[in-house]
Amino acid sequence: MALRIENFSIDSASPSKTARFWAAALGWNIVHDDGEEVTLQPPVGSPEAGILPDLLFLKVPEGKSVKNRLHLDLRPNDQLTEIARLEALGATRVDIGQGSSHTWVVMGDPEGNEFCVLRTLPQAERSAQ
């Protein structure tokens, strides 16, 4: 097949602000920012470099109004520590009707785009990856 995913595009009222949140959250680099489009890439030499698609934040006039149809699931080494860190960066917990019996936590970035912080994997499962 001659196709590959180049980037995930995320609509944003303020692409620079939203991209700065995600750059800090993921430890990725802003490689392009013209005010209308901002591109994030994993750092060179990281396990994600050259494997994961870029994140492209695009300026749009309308605000977010419904639950995302596509979102990121993030796997932390320590779920509670990462949730606290993400909240300090500007993320909030979001209720989309998921209830409280799940092992993941739904959060929203500063513009309300949902993402999930998954459970911490036990050491034995982390070693197997």
C-alpha atoms as a PDB file:
ATOM      1  CA  MET A   1       0.000   0.000   0.000  1.00  0.00           C
ATOM      2  CA  ALA A   2       1.274   3.467  -0.835  1.00  0.00           C
ATOM      3  CA  LEU A   3      -0.447   5.392   1.974  1.00  0.00           C
ATOM      4  CA  ARG A   4       0.645   6.355   5.457  1.00  0.00           C
ATOM      5  CA  ILE A   5      -0.834   8.675   8.048  1.00  0.00           C
ATOM      6  CA  GLU A   6       1.119  11.949   7.964  1.00  0.00           C
ATOM      7  CA  ASN A   7      -0.637  13.763  10.796  1.00  0.00           C
ATOM      8  CA  PHE A   8      -3.726  13.994  12.915  1.00  0.00           C
ATOM      9  CA  SER A   9      -5.434  17.364  12.394  1.00  0.00           C
ATOM     10  CA  ILE A  10      -7.075  19.077  15.354  1.00  0.00           C
ATOM     11  CA  ASP A  11      -9.340  22.094  14.911  1.00  0.00           C
ATOM     12  CA  SER A  12      -8.560  24.938  17.272  1.00  0.00           C
ATOM     13  CA  ALA A  13      -9.609  28.520  17.950  1.00  0.00           C
ATOM     14  CA  SER A  14      -6.051  29.180  19.189  1.00  0.00           C
ATOM     15  CA  PRO A  15      -3.648  26.712  17.548  1.00  0.00           C
ATOM     16  CA  SER A  16      -0.500  28.111  19.185  1.00  0.00           C
ATOM     17  CA  LYS A  17      -1.958  27.910  22.697  1.00  0.00           C
ATOM     18  CA  THR A  18      -3.387  24.428  22.180  1.00  0.00           C
ATOM     19  CA  ALA A  19      -0.167  23.178  20.578  1.00  0.00           C
ATOM     20  CA  ARG A  20       1.898  24.530  23.489  1.00  0.00           C
ATOM     21  CA  PHE A  21      -0.290  22.509  25.881  1.00  0.00           C
ATOM     22  CA  TRP A  22       0.228  19.321  23.855  1.00  0.00           C
ATOM     23  CA  ALA A  23       3.966  19.987  23.396  1.00  0.00           C
ATOM     24  CA  ALA A  24       4.336  20.233  27.183  1.00  0.00           C
ATOM     25  CA  ALA A  25       2.033  17.268  27.814  1.00  0.00           C
ATOM     26  CA  LEU A  26       3.814  14.925  25.395  1.00  0.00           C
ATOM     27  CA  GLY A  27       7.331  16.354  25.421  1.00  0.00           C
ATOM     28  CA  TRP A  28       7.077  16.947  21.659  1.00  0.00           C
ATOM     29  CA  ASN A  29       8.527  19.817  19.638  1.00  0.00           C
ATOM     30  CA  ILE A  30       6.742  22.606  17.813  1.00  0.00           C
ATOM     31  CA  VAL A  31       8.323  22.481  14.358  1.00  0.00           C
ATOM     32  CA  HIS A  32       6.047  24.945  12.557  1.00  0.00           C
ATOM     33  CA  ASP A  33       3.855  27.794  13.798  1.00  0.00           C
ATOM     34  CA  ASP A  34       2.459  30.430  11.457  1.00  0.00           C
ATOM     35  CA  GLY A  35      -0.509  31.330  13.686  1.00  0.00           C
ATOM     36  CA  GLU A  36      -2.964  29.472  11.448  1.00  0.00           C
ATOM     37  CA  GLU A  37      -1.282  26.048  11.557  1.00  0.00           C
ATOM     38  CA  VAL A  38       1.000  24.585  14.205  1.00  0.00           C
ATOM     39  CA  THR A  39       2.787  21.249  13.828  1.00  0.00           C
ATOM     40  CA  LEU A  40       4.116  19.070  16.648  1.00  0.00           C
ATOM     41  CA  GLN A  41       6.557  16.209  16.163  1.00  0.00           C
ATOM     42  CA  PRO A  42       8.129  13.723  18.560  1.00  0.00           C
ATOM     43  CA  PRO A  43      11.708  14.612  19.481  1.00  0.00           C
ATOM     44  CA  VAL A  44      14.413  13.163  17.244  1.00  0.00           C
ATOM     45  CA  GLY A  45      15.777  10.003  18.822  1.00  0.00           C
ATOM     46  CA  SER A  46      12.630   9.306  20.871  1.00  0.00           C
ATOM     47  CA  PRO A  47      10.821   5.964  20.472  1.00  0.00           C
ATOM     48  CA  GLU A  48       7.962   7.818  18.725  1.00  0.00           C
ATOM     49  CA  ALA A  49      10.134   9.664  16.166  1.00  0.00           C
ATOM     50  CA  GLY A  50       9.407   8.538  12.640  1.00  0.00           C
ATOM     51  CA  ILE A  51       6.669   6.189  13.845  1.00  0.00           C
ATOM     52  CA  LEU A  52       3.812   8.320  15.162  1.00  0.00           C
ATOM     53  CA  PRO A  53       2.065  10.879  12.955  1.00  0.00           C
ATOM     54  CA  ASP A  54       2.544  14.580  13.640  1.00  0.00           C
ATOM     55  CA  LEU A  55      -0.161  16.570  15.404  1.00  0.00           C
ATOM     56  CA  LEU A  56      -1.383  19.486  13.264  1.00  0.00           C
ATOM     57  CA  PHE A  57      -3.444  22.207  14.946  1.00  0.00           C
ATOM     58  CA  LEU A  58      -5.557  24.209  12.490  1.00  0.00           C
ATOM     59  CA  LYS A  59      -7.224  27.559  13.180  1.00  0.00           C
ATOM     60  CA  VAL A  60     -11.000  27.432  12.730  1.00  0.00           C
ATOM     61  CA  PRO A  61     -13.608  30.116  13.451  1.00  0.00           C
ATOM     62  CA  GLU A  62     -16.126  27.892  15.243  1.00  0.00           C
ATOM     63  CA  GLY A  63     -15.765  26.618  18.801  1.00  0.00           C
ATOM     64  CA  LYS A  64     -15.959  23.002  19.865  1.00  0.00           C
ATOM     65  CA  SER A  65     -19.573  21.972  20.402  1.00  0.00           C
ATOM     66  CA  VAL A  66     -19.808  18.158  20.659  1.00  0.00           C
ATOM     67  CA  LYS A  67     -17.752  15.190  21.833  1.00  0.00           C
ATOM     68  CA  ASN A  68     -14.755  14.384  19.639  1.00  0.00           C
ATOM     69  CA  ARG A  69     -15.190  11.533  17.158  1.00  0.00           C
ATOM     70  CA  LEU A  70     -11.465  10.779  17.422  1.00  0.00           C
ATOM     71  CA  HIS A  71      -9.313  11.216  20.506  1.00  0.00           C
ATOM     72  CA  LEU A  72      -5.921  10.276  21.915  1.00  0.00           C
ATOM     73  CA  ASP A  73      -5.482   7.539  24.522  1.00  0.00           C
ATOM     74  CA  LEU A  74      -2.346   8.172  26.582  1.00  0.00           C
ATOM     75  CA  ARG A  75      -0.603   5.377  28.530  1.00  0.00           C
ATOM     76  CA  PRO A  76       1.212   6.789  31.581  1.00  0.00           C
ATOM     77  CA  ASN A  77       3.840   5.214  33.810  1.00  0.00           C
ATOM     78  CA  ASP A  78       1.881   6.650  36.764  1.00  0.00           C
ATOM     79  CA  GLN A  79      -1.736   7.627  36.074  1.00  0.00           C
ATOM     80  CA  LEU A  80      -2.315   9.823  39.143  1.00  0.00           C
ATOM     81  CA  THR A  81       0.947  11.727  38.700  1.00  0.00           C
ATOM     82  CA  GLU A  82       0.235  12.367  35.015  1.00  0.00           C
ATOM     83  CA  ILE A  83      -3.341  13.493  35.677  1.00  0.00           C
ATOM     84  CA  ALA A  84      -2.060  16.024  38.221  1.00  0.00           C
ATOM     85  CA  ARG A  85       0.643  17.218  35.785  1.00  0.00           C
ATOM     86  CA  LEU A  86      -1.851  17.575  32.932  1.00  0.00           C
ATOM     87  CA  GLU A  87      -4.248  19.509  35.173  1.00  0.00           C
ATOM     88  CA  ALA A  88      -1.387  21.855  36.108  1.00  0.00           C
ATOM     89  CA  LEU A  89      -0.820  22.412  32.364  1.00  0.00           C
ATOM     90  CA  GLY A  90      -4.495  23.385  31.880  1.00  0.00           C
ATOM     91  CA  ALA A  91      -6.348  20.109  31.263  1.00  0.00           C
ATOM     92  CA  THR A  92      -9.618  19.391  33.028  1.00  0.00           C
ATOM     93  CA  ARG A  93     -11.519  16.219  33.827  1.00  0.00           C
ATOM     94  CA  VAL A  94     -14.467  15.726  31.499  1.00  0.00           C
ATOM     95  CA  ASP A  95     -17.703  13.809  32.004  1.00  0.00           C
ATOM     96  CA  ILE A  96     -18.945  12.374  28.722  1.00  0.00           C
ATOM     97  CA  GLY A  97     -21.154   9.819  30.446  1.00  0.00           C
ATOM     98  CA  GLN A  98     -18.373   7.309  31.065  1.00  0.00           C
ATOM     99  CA  GLY A  99     -19.309   6.675  34.702  1.00  0.00           C
ATOM    100  CA  SER A 100     -16.818   5.999  37.465  1.00  0.00           C
ATOM    101  CA  SER A 101     -16.131   2.279  37.095  1.00  0.00           C
ATOM    102  CA  HIS A 102     -13.507   2.591  34.346  1.00  0.00           C
ATOM    103  CA  THR A 103      -9.741   2.399  34.673  1.00  0.00           C
ATOM    104  CA  TRP A 104      -9.190   5.449  32.439  1.00  0.00           C
ATOM    105  CA  VAL A 105      -9.833   9.132  33.086  1.00  0.00           C
ATOM    106  CA  VAL A 106     -11.368  11.353  30.404  1.00  0.00           C
ATOM    107  CA  MET A 107      -9.813  14.790  30.250  1.00  0.00           C
ATOM    108  CA  GLY A 108     -10.061  17.842  28.013  1.00  0.00           C
ATOM    109  CA  ASP A 109      -7.235  20.018  26.727  1.00  0.00           C
ATOM    110  CA  PRO A 110      -7.559  23.816  27.198  1.00  0.00           C
ATOM    111  CA  GLU A 111     -10.037  23.951  24.269  1.00  0.00           C
ATOM    112  CA  GLY A 112     -12.073  20.999  25.528  1.00  0.00           C
ATOM    113  CA  ASN A 113     -10.787  18.345  23.108  1.00  0.00           C
ATOM    114  CA  GLU A 114     -11.194  15.042  24.925  1.00  0.00           C
ATOM    115  CA  PHE A 115      -8.407  12.557  25.544  1.00  0.00           C
ATOM    116  CA  CYS A 116      -8.040   9.614  27.904  1.00  0.00           C
ATOM    117  CA  VAL A 117      -5.350   8.878  30.441  1.00  0.00           C
ATOM    118  CA  LEU A 118      -5.301   5.104  30.656  1.00  0.00           C
ATOM    119  CA  ARG A 119      -4.459   3.020  33.696  1.00  0.00           C
ATOM    120  CA  THR A 120      -0.876   2.485  34.721  1.00  0.00           C
ATOM    121  CA  LEU A 121       0.338  -0.846  33.431  1.00  0.00           C
ATOM    122  CA  PRO A 122       1.692  -3.226  36.075  1.00  0.00           C
ATOM    123  CA  GLN A 123       5.477  -3.605  35.848  1.00  0.00           C
ATOM    124  CA  ALA A 124       5.189  -7.110  34.323  1.00  0.00           C
ATOM    125  CA  GLU A 125       3.044  -5.761  31.462  1.00  0.00           C
ATOM    126  CA  ARG A 126       5.399  -2.800  30.901  1.00  0.00           C
ATOM    127  CA  SER A 127       8.395  -5.126  30.663  1.00  0.00           C
ATOM    128  CA  ALA A 128       6.624  -7.246  28.031  1.00  0.00           C
ATOM    129  CA  GLN A 129       6.195  -4.287  25.662  1.00  0.00           C
END
